[in-house]
PDB file of N, CA and C in Angstrom:
ATOM      1  N   MET A   1       0.838  -1.181   0.000  1.00  0.00           N
ATOM      2  CA  MET A   1       0.000   0.000   0.000  1.00  0.00           C
ATOM      3  C   MET A   1       0.886   1.248   0.000  1.00  0.00           C
ATOM      4  N   ILE A   2       0.556   2.191  -0.836  1.00  0.00           N
ATOM      5  CA  ILE A   2       1.314   3.431  -0.926  1.00  0.00           C
ATOM      6  C   ILE A   2       0.789   4.409   0.111  1.00  0.00           C
ATOM      7  N   ARG A   3       1.709   4.960   0.909  1.00  0.00           N
ATOM      8  CA  ARG A   3       1.328   5.954   1.903  1.00  0.00           C
ATOM      9  C   ARG A   3       1.036   7.281   1.224  1.00  0.00           C
ATOM     10  N   PRO A   4       0.106   8.056   1.787  1.00  0.00           N
ATOM     11  CA  PRO A   4      -0.195   9.357   1.196  1.00  0.00           C
ATOM     12  C   PRO A   4       0.980  10.320   1.348  1.00  0.00           C
ATOM     13  N   ILE A   5       1.082  11.222   0.417  1.00  0.00           N
ATOM     14  CA  ILE A   5       2.107  12.268   0.471  1.00  0.00           C
ATOM     15  C   ILE A   5       1.590  13.362   1.387  1.00  0.00           C
ATOM     16  N   ARG A   6       2.425  13.804   2.316  1.00  0.00           N
ATOM     17  CA  ARG A   6       2.044  14.880   3.231  1.00  0.00           C
ATOM     18  C   ARG A   6       2.448  16.219   2.635  1.00  0.00           C
ATOM     19  N   ILE A   7       1.519  17.144   2.695  1.00  0.00           N
ATOM     20  CA  ILE A   7       1.727  18.454   2.089  1.00  0.00           C
ATOM     21  C   ILE A   7       1.496  19.547   3.121  1.00  0.00           C
ATOM     22  N   HIS A   8       2.393  20.520   3.124  1.00  0.00           N
ATOM     23  CA  HIS A   8       2.219  21.713   3.952  1.00  0.00           C
ATOM     24  C   HIS A   8       1.994  22.890   3.023  1.00  0.00           C
ATOM     25  N   LEU A   9       0.880  23.551   3.199  1.00  0.00           N
ATOM     26  CA  LEU A   9       0.583  24.757   2.440  1.00  0.00           C
ATOM     27  C   LEU A   9       0.715  25.939   3.391  1.00  0.00           C
ATOM     28  N   ASP A  10       1.207  27.057   2.884  1.00  0.00           N
ATOM     29  CA  ASP A  10       1.294  28.220   3.764  1.00  0.00           C
ATOM     30  C   ASP A  10       0.081  29.118   3.556  1.00  0.00           C
ATOM     31  N   THR A  11       0.008  30.164   4.338  1.00  0.00           N
ATOM     32  CA  THR A  11      -1.176  31.019   4.301  1.00  0.00           C
ATOM     33  C   THR A  11      -1.391  31.655   2.933  1.00  0.00           C
ATOM     34  N   SER A  12      -0.331  31.929   2.212  1.00  0.00           N
ATOM     35  CA  SER A  12      -0.514  32.526   0.880  1.00  0.00           C
ATOM     36  C   SER A  12      -1.156  31.520  -0.084  1.00  0.00           C
ATOM     37  N   ASP A  13      -0.853  30.229   0.078  1.00  0.00           N
ATOM     38  CA  ASP A  13      -1.502  29.195  -0.746  1.00  0.00           C
ATOM     39  C   ASP A  13      -3.000  29.147  -0.464  1.00  0.00           C
ATOM     40  N   TYR A  14      -3.346  29.097   0.831  1.00  0.00           N
ATOM     41  CA  TYR A  14      -4.759  29.050   1.204  1.00  0.00           C
ATOM     42  C   TYR A  14      -5.483  30.315   0.750  1.00  0.00           C
ATOM     43  N   SER A  15      -4.832  31.450   0.896  1.00  0.00           N
ATOM     44  CA  SER A  15      -5.436  32.718   0.496  1.00  0.00           C
ATOM     45  C   SER A  15      -5.714  32.736  -1.005  1.00  0.00           C
ATOM     46  N   ALA A  16      -4.740  32.299  -1.780  1.00  0.00           N
ATOM     47  CA  ALA A  16      -4.915  32.284  -3.240  1.00  0.00           C
ATOM     48  C   ALA A  16      -6.051  31.355  -3.632  1.00  0.00           C
ATOM     49  N   MET A  17      -6.137  30.190  -2.997  1.00  0.00           N
ATOM     50  CA  MET A  17      -7.205  29.257  -3.332  1.00  0.00           C
ATOM     51  C   MET A  17      -8.560  29.768  -2.864  1.00  0.00           C
ATOM     52  N   HIS A  18      -8.581  30.429  -1.719  1.00  0.00           N
ATOM     53  CA  HIS A  18      -9.831  30.972  -1.189  1.00  0.00           C
ATOM     54  C   HIS A  18     -10.386  32.070  -2.085  1.00  0.00           C
ATOM     55  N   ASP A  19      -9.509  32.918  -2.583  1.00  0.00           N
ATOM     56  CA  ASP A  19      -9.927  34.083  -3.366  1.00  0.00           C
ATOM     57  C   ASP A  19     -10.011  33.814  -4.872  1.00  0.00           C
ATOM     58  N   ALA A  20      -9.701  32.597  -5.292  1.00  0.00           N
ATOM     59  CA  ALA A  20      -9.667  32.284  -6.731  1.00  0.00           C
ATOM     60  C   ALA A  20     -11.059  32.318  -7.353  1.00  0.00           C
ATOM     61  N   PRO A  21     -11.166  32.965  -8.499  1.00  0.00           N
ATOM     62  CA  PRO A  21     -12.451  32.985  -9.195  1.00  0.00           C
ATOM     63  C   PRO A  21     -12.839  31.587  -9.705  1.00  0.00           C
ATOM     64  N   THR A  22     -14.117  31.337  -9.770  1.00  0.00           N
ATOM     65  CA  THR A  22     -14.625  30.071 -10.280  1.00  0.00           C
ATOM     66  C   THR A  22     -14.085  29.821 -11.693  1.00  0.00           C
ATOM     67  N   GLY A  23     -13.591  28.619 -11.909  1.00  0.00           N
ATOM     68  CA  GLY A  23     -13.067  28.243 -13.215  1.00  0.00           C
ATOM     69  C   GLY A  23     -11.629  28.637 -13.467  1.00  0.00           C
ATOM     70  N   SER A  24     -11.012  29.340 -12.524  1.00  0.00           N
ATOM     71  CA  SER A  24      -9.614  29.761 -12.701  1.00  0.00           C
ATOM     72  C   SER A  24      -8.681  28.573 -12.469  1.00  0.00           C
ATOM     73  N   PRO A  25      -7.452  28.655 -12.973  1.00  0.00           N
ATOM     74  CA  PRO A  25      -6.485  27.574 -12.734  1.00  0.00           C
ATOM     75  C   PRO A  25      -6.248  27.300 -11.245  1.00  0.00           C
ATOM     76  N   ILE A  26      -6.225  28.345 -10.432  1.00  0.00           N
ATOM     77  CA  ILE A  26      -5.987  28.144  -8.993  1.00  0.00           C
ATOM     78  C   ILE A  26      -7.181  27.436  -8.352  1.00  0.00           C
ATOM     79  N   GLN A  27      -8.378  27.758  -8.784  1.00  0.00           N
ATOM     80  CA  GLN A  27      -9.560  27.082  -8.255  1.00  0.00           C
ATOM     81  C   GLN A  27      -9.545  25.613  -8.650  1.00  0.00           C
ATOM     82  N   LYS A  28      -9.038  25.311  -9.833  1.00  0.00           N
ATOM     83  CA  LYS A  28      -8.928  23.910 -10.270  1.00  0.00           C
ATOM     84  C   LYS A  28      -7.886  23.163  -9.440  1.00  0.00           C
ATOM     85  N   VAL A  29      -6.804  23.848  -9.057  1.00  0.00           N
ATOM     86  CA  VAL A  29      -5.803  23.238  -8.168  1.00  0.00           C
ATOM     87  C   VAL A  29      -6.461  22.896  -6.839  1.00  0.00           C
ATOM     88  N   ARG A  30      -7.253  23.823  -6.308  1.00  0.00           N
ATOM     89  CA  ARG A  30      -7.969  23.582  -5.046  1.00  0.00           C
ATOM     90  C   ARG A  30      -8.850  22.342  -5.165  1.00  0.00           C
ATOM     91  N   GLU A  31      -9.623  22.245  -6.230  1.00  0.00           N
ATOM     92  CA  GLU A  31     -10.495  21.089  -6.432  1.00  0.00           C
ATOM     93  C   GLU A  31      -9.689  19.788  -6.534  1.00  0.00           C
ATOM     94  N   ASN A  32      -8.576  19.839  -7.257  1.00  0.00           N
ATOM     95  CA  ASN A  32      -7.737  18.647  -7.397  1.00  0.00           C
ATOM     96  C   ASN A  32      -7.130  18.232  -6.069  1.00  0.00           C
ATOM     97  N   LEU A  33      -6.652  19.203  -5.284  1.00  0.00           N
ATOM     98  CA  LEU A  33      -6.094  18.882  -3.963  1.00  0.00           C
ATOM     99  C   LEU A  33      -7.158  18.271  -3.062  1.00  0.00           C
ATOM    100  N   ALA A  34      -8.351  18.848  -3.077  1.00  0.00           N
ATOM    101  CA  ALA A  34      -9.442  18.312  -2.251  1.00  0.00           C
ATOM    102  C   ALA A  34      -9.781  16.886  -2.673  1.00  0.00           C
ATOM    103  N   GLU A  35      -9.815  16.624  -3.949  1.00  0.00           N
ATOM    104  CA  GLU A  35     -10.120  15.276  -4.437  1.00  0.00           C
ATOM    105  C   GLU A  35      -9.019  14.289  -4.054  1.00  0.00           C
ATOM    106  N   LEU A  36      -7.778  14.678  -4.215  1.00  0.00           N
ATOM    107  CA  LEU A  36      -6.665  13.801  -3.824  1.00  0.00           C
ATOM    108  C   LEU A  36      -6.700  13.505  -2.330  1.00  0.00           C
ATOM    109  N   ALA A  37      -7.062  14.507  -1.530  1.00  0.00           N
ATOM    110  CA  ALA A  37      -7.171  14.299  -0.081  1.00  0.00           C
ATOM    111  C   ALA A  37      -8.332  13.351   0.238  1.00  0.00           C
ATOM    112  N   ARG A  38      -9.473  13.539  -0.409  1.00  0.00           N
ATOM    113  CA  ARG A  38     -10.624  12.650  -0.181  1.00  0.00           C
ATOM    114  C   ARG A  38     -10.289  11.202  -0.531  1.00  0.00           C
ATOM    115  N   ARG A  39      -9.504  11.018  -1.575  1.00  0.00           N
ATOM    116  CA  ARG A  39      -9.136   9.665  -2.005  1.00  0.00           C
ATOM    117  C   ARG A  39      -7.982   9.074  -1.190  1.00  0.00           C
ATOM    118  N   GLY A  40      -7.422   9.862  -0.271  1.00  0.00           N
ATOM    119  CA  GLY A  40      -6.338   9.369   0.575  1.00  0.00           C
ATOM    120  C   GLY A  40      -4.978   9.363  -0.092  1.00  0.00           C
ATOM    121  N   ARG A  41      -4.843  10.039  -1.219  1.00  0.00           N
ATOM    122  CA  ARG A  41      -3.555  10.086  -1.914  1.00  0.00           C
ATOM    123  C   ARG A  41      -2.599  11.089  -1.283  1.00  0.00           C
ATOM    124  N   ILE A  42      -3.173  12.161  -0.689  1.00  0.00           N
ATOM    125  CA  ILE A  42      -2.359  13.171  -0.010  1.00  0.00           C
ATOM    126  C   ILE A  42      -2.977  13.467   1.353  1.00  0.00           C
ATOM    127  N   GLU A  43      -2.167  14.006   2.249  1.00  0.00           N
ATOM    128  CA  GLU A  43      -2.624  14.509   3.537  1.00  0.00           C
ATOM    129  C   GLU A  43      -2.111  15.943   3.639  1.00  0.00           C
ATOM    130  N   ILE A  44      -3.026  16.882   3.678  1.00  0.00           N
ATOM    131  CA  ILE A  44      -2.638  18.276   3.830  1.00  0.00           C
ATOM    132  C   ILE A  44      -2.776  18.600   5.306  1.00  0.00           C
ATOM    133  N   GLY A  45      -1.680  19.011   5.904  1.00  0.00           N
ATOM    134  CA  GLY A  45      -1.683  19.263   7.334  1.00  0.00           C
ATOM    135  C   GLY A  45      -1.884  20.721   7.685  1.00  0.00           C
ATOM    136  N   LEU A  46      -2.683  20.933   8.704  1.00  0.00           N
ATOM    137  CA  LEU A  46      -2.910  22.253   9.246  1.00  0.00           C
ATOM    138  C   LEU A  46      -1.766  22.586  10.195  1.00  0.00           C
ATOM    139  N   SER A  47      -1.364  23.833  10.229  1.00  0.00           N
ATOM    140  CA  SER A  47      -0.310  24.235  11.153  1.00  0.00           C
ATOM    141  C   SER A  47      -0.817  25.342  12.061  1.00  0.00           C
ATOM    142  N   TYR A  48      -0.173  25.474  13.192  1.00  0.00           N
ATOM    143  CA  TYR A  48      -0.525  26.513  14.159  1.00  0.00           C
ATOM    144  C   TYR A  48      -0.496  27.884  13.509  1.00  0.00           C
ATOM    145  N   HIS A  49       0.491  28.123  12.675  1.00  0.00           N
ATOM    146  CA  HIS A  49       0.652  29.441  12.062  1.00  0.00           C
ATOM    147  C   HIS A  49      -0.498  29.783  11.115  1.00  0.00           C
ATOM    148  N   VAL A  50      -1.003  28.791  10.427  1.00  0.00           N
ATOM    149  CA  VAL A  50      -2.150  29.019   9.536  1.00  0.00           C
ATOM    150  C   VAL A  50      -3.386  29.366  10.363  1.00  0.00           C
ATOM    151  N   VAL A  51      -3.610  28.639  11.454  1.00  0.00           N
ATOM    152  CA  VAL A  51      -4.762  28.918  12.312  1.00  0.00           C
ATOM    153  C   VAL A  51      -4.616  30.303  12.947  1.00  0.00           C
ATOM    154  N   PHE A  52      -3.416  30.645  13.373  1.00  0.00           N
ATOM    155  CA  PHE A  52      -3.173  31.961  13.970  1.00  0.00           C
ATOM    156  C   PHE A  52      -3.553  33.070  12.987  1.00  0.00           C
ATOM    157  N   GLU A  53      -3.148  32.921  11.741  1.00  0.00           N
ATOM    158  CA  GLU A  53      -3.501  33.936  10.743  1.00  0.00           C
ATOM    159  C   GLU A  53      -4.997  33.942  10.448  1.00  0.00           C
ATOM    160  N   LEU A  54      -5.637  32.794  10.525  1.00  0.00           N
ATOM    161  CA  LEU A  54      -7.081  32.731  10.329  1.00  0.00           C
ATOM    162  C   LEU A  54      -7.803  33.577  11.381  1.00  0.00           C
ATOM    163  N   LEU A  55      -7.278  33.585  12.583  1.00  0.00           N
ATOM    164  CA  LEU A  55      -7.930  34.296  13.679  1.00  0.00           C
ATOM    165  C   LEU A  55      -7.696  35.807  13.644  1.00  0.00           C
ATOM    166  N   GLN A  56      -6.848  36.267  12.770  1.00  0.00           N
ATOM    167  CA  GLN A  56      -6.623  37.703  12.638  1.00  0.00           C
ATOM    168  C   GLN A  56      -7.873  38.377  12.080  1.00  0.00           C
ATOM    169  N   ARG A  57      -7.974  39.649  12.276  1.00  0.00           N
ATOM    170  CA  ARG A  57      -9.134  40.424  11.826  1.00  0.00           C
ATOM    171  C   ARG A  57     -10.415  39.782  12.382  1.00  0.00           C
ATOM    172  N   ALA A  58     -10.430  39.618  13.683  1.00  0.00           N
ATOM    173  CA  ALA A  58     -11.507  38.876  14.339  1.00  0.00           C
ATOM    174  C   ALA A  58     -12.760  39.705  14.603  1.00  0.00           C
ATOM    175  N   ASP A  59     -12.828  40.920  14.102  1.00  0.00           N
ATOM    176  CA  ASP A  59     -14.016  41.723  14.346  1.00  0.00           C
ATOM    177  C   ASP A  59     -15.204  41.195  13.523  1.00  0.00           C
ATOM    178  N   ALA A  60     -16.387  41.625  13.897  1.00  0.00           N
ATOM    179  CA  ALA A  60     -17.617  41.124  13.272  1.00  0.00           C
ATOM    180  C   ALA A  60     -17.663  41.401  11.769  1.00  0.00           C
ATOM    181  N   GLU A  61     -17.060  42.484  11.342  1.00  0.00           N
ATOM    182  CA  GLU A  61     -17.073  42.851   9.921  1.00  0.00           C
ATOM    183  C   GLU A  61     -16.448  41.771   9.037  1.00  0.00           C
ATOM    184  N   HIS A  62     -15.463  41.045   9.563  1.00  0.00           N
ATOM    185  CA  HIS A  62     -14.731  40.052   8.775  1.00  0.00           C
ATOM    186  C   HIS A  62     -15.152  38.610   9.094  1.00  0.00           C
ATOM    187  N   ARG A  63     -16.213  38.447   9.867  1.00  0.00           N
ATOM    188  CA  ARG A  63     -16.633  37.105  10.291  1.00  0.00           C
ATOM    189  C   ARG A  63     -16.946  36.188   9.105  1.00  0.00           C
ATOM    190  N   GLY A  64     -17.675  36.662   8.137  1.00  0.00           N
ATOM    191  CA  GLY A  64     -18.028  35.840   6.978  1.00  0.00           C
ATOM    192  C   GLY A  64     -16.797  35.349   6.243  1.00  0.00           C
ATOM    193  N   ASN A  65     -15.813  36.217   6.067  1.00  0.00           N
ATOM    194  CA  ASN A  65     -14.574  35.838   5.399  1.00  0.00           C
ATOM    195  C   ASN A  65     -13.818  34.793   6.207  1.00  0.00           C
ATOM    196  N   ARG A  66     -13.750  34.977   7.528  1.00  0.00           N
ATOM    197  CA  ARG A  66     -13.039  34.006   8.382  1.00  0.00           C
ATOM    198  C   ARG A  66     -13.723  32.638   8.318  1.00  0.00           C
ATOM    199  N   LEU A  67     -15.059  32.635   8.369  1.00  0.00           N
ATOM    200  CA  LEU A  67     -15.780  31.357   8.302  1.00  0.00           C
ATOM    201  C   LEU A  67     -15.566  30.669   6.963  1.00  0.00           C
ATOM    202  N   SER A  68     -15.547  31.437   5.902  1.00  0.00           N
ATOM    203  CA  SER A  68     -15.305  30.876   4.575  1.00  0.00           C
ATOM    204  C   SER A  68     -13.896  30.293   4.480  1.00  0.00           C
ATOM    205  N   ARG A  69     -12.915  31.003   5.030  1.00  0.00           N
ATOM    206  CA  ARG A  69     -11.542  30.476   5.029  1.00  0.00           C
ATOM    207  C   ARG A  69     -11.435  29.239   5.901  1.00  0.00           C
ATOM    208  N   ALA A  70     -12.149  29.211   7.026  1.00  0.00           N
ATOM    209  CA  ALA A  70     -12.130  28.039   7.907  1.00  0.00           C
ATOM    210  C   ALA A  70     -12.726  26.814   7.198  1.00  0.00           C
ATOM    211  N   ARG A  71     -13.774  27.021   6.402  1.00  0.00           N
ATOM    212  CA  ARG A  71     -14.355  25.906   5.637  1.00  0.00           C
ATOM    213  C   ARG A  71     -13.344  25.347   4.636  1.00  0.00           C
ATOM    214  N   LEU A  72     -12.583  26.244   4.006  1.00  0.00           N
ATOM    215  CA  LEU A  72     -11.542  25.787   3.076  1.00  0.00           C
ATOM    216  C   LEU A  72     -10.504  24.948   3.818  1.00  0.00           C
ATOM    217  N   LEU A  73     -10.040  25.423   4.975  1.00  0.00           N
ATOM    218  CA  LEU A  73      -9.056  24.657   5.746  1.00  0.00           C
ATOM    219  C   LEU A  73      -9.615  23.297   6.138  1.00  0.00           C
ATOM    220  N   SER A  74     -10.857  23.272   6.565  1.00  0.00           N
ATOM    221  CA  SER A  74     -11.485  22.018   6.957  1.00  0.00           C
ATOM    222  C   SER A  74     -11.628  21.074   5.760  1.00  0.00           C
ATOM    223  N   GLU A  75     -12.013  21.620   4.626  1.00  0.00           N
ATOM    224  CA  GLU A  75     -12.167  20.815   3.403  1.00  0.00           C
ATOM    225  C   GLU A  75     -10.838  20.171   3.002  1.00  0.00           C
ATOM    226  N   LEU A  76      -9.777  20.936   3.058  1.00  0.00           N
ATOM    227  CA  LEU A  76      -8.484  20.432   2.587  1.00  0.00           C
ATOM    228  C   LEU A  76      -7.733  19.626   3.640  1.00  0.00           C
ATOM    229  N   CYS A  77      -7.810  20.043   4.895  1.00  0.00           N
ATOM    230  CA  CYS A  77      -6.980  19.423   5.934  1.00  0.00           C
ATOM    231  C   CYS A  77      -7.698  18.375   6.767  1.00  0.00           C
ATOM    232  N   GLY A  78      -9.000  18.510   6.902  1.00  0.00           N
ATOM    233  CA  GLY A  78      -9.707  17.589   7.785  1.00  0.00           C
ATOM    234  C   GLY A  78      -9.122  17.673   9.185  1.00  0.00           C
ATOM    235  N   LEU A  79      -8.720  16.545   9.739  1.00  0.00           N
ATOM    236  CA  LEU A  79      -8.132  16.508  11.080  1.00  0.00           C
ATOM    237  C   LEU A  79      -6.609  16.372  11.047  1.00  0.00           C
ATOM    238  N   ASN A  80      -6.003  16.590   9.900  1.00  0.00           N
ATOM    239  CA  ASN A  80      -4.551  16.471   9.776  1.00  0.00           C
ATOM    240  C   ASN A  80      -3.863  17.726  10.312  1.00  0.00           C
ATOM    241  N   ALA A  81      -2.850  17.524  11.122  1.00  0.00           N
ATOM    242  CA  ALA A  81      -2.148  18.659  11.714  1.00  0.00           C
ATOM    243  C   ALA A  81      -0.664  18.358  11.879  1.00  0.00           C
ATOM    244  N   PHE A  82       0.135  19.353  11.545  1.00  0.00           N
ATOM    245  CA  PHE A  82       1.570  19.269  11.796  1.00  0.00           C
ATOM    246  C   PHE A  82       1.828  19.682  13.244  1.00  0.00           C
ATOM    247  N   PRO A  83       2.820  19.088  13.893  1.00  0.00           N
ATOM    248  CA  PRO A  83       3.125  19.494  15.262  1.00  0.00           C
ATOM    249  C   PRO A  83       3.699  20.912  15.281  1.00  0.00           C
ATOM    250  N   TYR A  84       3.532  21.571  16.422  1.00  0.00           N
ATOM    251  CA  TYR A  84       4.158  22.873  16.603  1.00  0.00           C
ATOM    252  C   TYR A  84       5.669  22.662  16.546  1.00  0.00           C
ATOM    253  N   PRO A  85       6.414  23.514  15.857  1.00  0.00           N
ATOM    254  CA  PRO A  85       7.853  23.274  15.646  1.00  0.00           C
ATOM    255  C   PRO A  85       8.647  22.986  16.920  1.00  0.00           C
ATOM    256  N   THR A  86       8.342  23.659  18.015  1.00  0.00           N
ATOM    257  CA  THR A  86       9.118  23.417  19.238  1.00  0.00           C
ATOM    258  C   THR A  86       8.782  22.077  19.877  1.00  0.00           C
ATOM    259  N   ASP A  87       7.701  21.427  19.445  1.00  0.00           N
ATOM    260  CA  ASP A  87       7.317  20.128  19.996  1.00  0.00           C
ATOM    261  C   ASP A  87       7.978  18.952  19.276  1.00  0.00           C
ATOM    262  N   LEU A  88       8.653  19.230  18.176  1.00  0.00           N
ATOM    263  CA  LEU A  88       9.272  18.137  17.417  1.00  0.00           C
ATOM    264  C   LEU A  88      10.293  17.375  18.247  1.00  0.00           C
ATOM    265  N   GLY A  89      11.056  18.080  19.060  1.00  0.00           N
ATOM    266  CA  GLY A  89      12.060  17.424  19.899  1.00  0.00           C
ATOM    267  C   GLY A  89      11.466  16.542  20.969  1.00  0.00           C
ATOM    268  N   ASP A  90      10.196  16.712  21.271  1.00  0.00           N
ATOM    269  CA  ASP A  90       9.511  15.905  22.282  1.00  0.00           C
ATOM    270  C   ASP A  90       8.829  14.683  21.683  1.00  0.00           C
ATOM    271  N   GLY A  91       9.063  14.436  20.403  1.00  0.00           N
ATOM    272  CA  GLY A  91       8.511  13.250  19.764  1.00  0.00           C
ATOM    273  C   GLY A  91       7.150  13.425  19.126  1.00  0.00           C
ATOM    274  N   HIS A  92       6.614  14.646  19.146  1.00  0.00           N
ATOM    275  CA  HIS A  92       5.314  14.873  18.512  1.00  0.00           C
ATOM    276  C   HIS A  92       5.455  14.711  17.006  1.00  0.00           C
ATOM    277  N   ARG A  93       4.473  14.111  16.401  1.00  0.00           N
ATOM    278  CA  ARG A  93       4.504  13.835  14.965  1.00  0.00           C
ATOM    279  C   ARG A  93       3.217  14.330  14.311  1.00  0.00           C
ATOM    280  N   PHE A  94       3.176  14.165  13.009  1.00  0.00           N
ATOM    281  CA  PHE A  94       1.998  14.510  12.226  1.00  0.00           C
ATOM    282  C   PHE A  94       0.801  13.781  12.813  1.00  0.00           C
ATOM    283  N   SER A  95      -0.317  14.482  12.959  1.00  0.00           N
ATOM    284  CA  SER A  95      -1.517  13.901  13.571  1.00  0.00           C
ATOM    285  C   SER A  95      -2.649  13.829  12.563  1.00  0.00           C
ATOM    286  N   ASN A  96      -3.390  12.735  12.604  1.00  0.00           N
ATOM    287  CA  ASN A  96      -4.621  12.613  11.817  1.00  0.00           C
ATOM    288  C   ASN A  96      -5.830  12.757  12.728  1.00  0.00           C
ATOM    289  N   GLU A  97      -5.585  13.228  13.952  1.00  0.00           N
ATOM    290  CA  GLU A  97      -6.635  13.388  14.938  1.00  0.00           C
ATOM    291  C   GLU A  97      -6.827  14.843  15.348  1.00  0.00           C
ATOM    292  N   GLY A  98      -6.258  15.763  14.597  1.00  0.00           N
ATOM    293  CA  GLY A  98      -6.409  17.181  14.882  1.00  0.00           C
ATOM    294  C   GLY A  98      -5.627  17.667  16.078  1.00  0.00           C
ATOM    295  N   LEU A  99      -4.576  16.937  16.452  1.00  0.00           N
ATOM    296  CA  LEU A  99      -3.780  17.309  17.617  1.00  0.00           C
ATOM    297  C   LEU A  99      -2.468  17.956  17.197  1.00  0.00           C
ATOM    298  N   TRP A 100      -2.131  19.031  17.915  1.00  0.00           N
ATOM    299  CA  TRP A 100      -0.808  19.627  17.657  1.00  0.00           C
ATOM    300  C   TRP A 100       0.180  18.898  18.480  1.00  0.00           C
TER     301      TRP A 100
END
């Protein structure tokens, strides 16, 4: 059995995919990544830094945008999470249970 490839996307990747117009090449990349993740071919991991940036602009005016970005993260990452960098020395590894 082939193990899935683990992928780390940074906030600029998520931002580009979130803001991509329907039918654009970037939107097609998003769809392909989501499909590969659903089929178990890849695992896209969420990182603390991505979540931290998601929580920025937390006022009510930006709530709809934050929720939309959170749905994208959930769609692509599911419960996959990379450990916090300082925890690597303590043996923490990639999680499929949403744990840092």
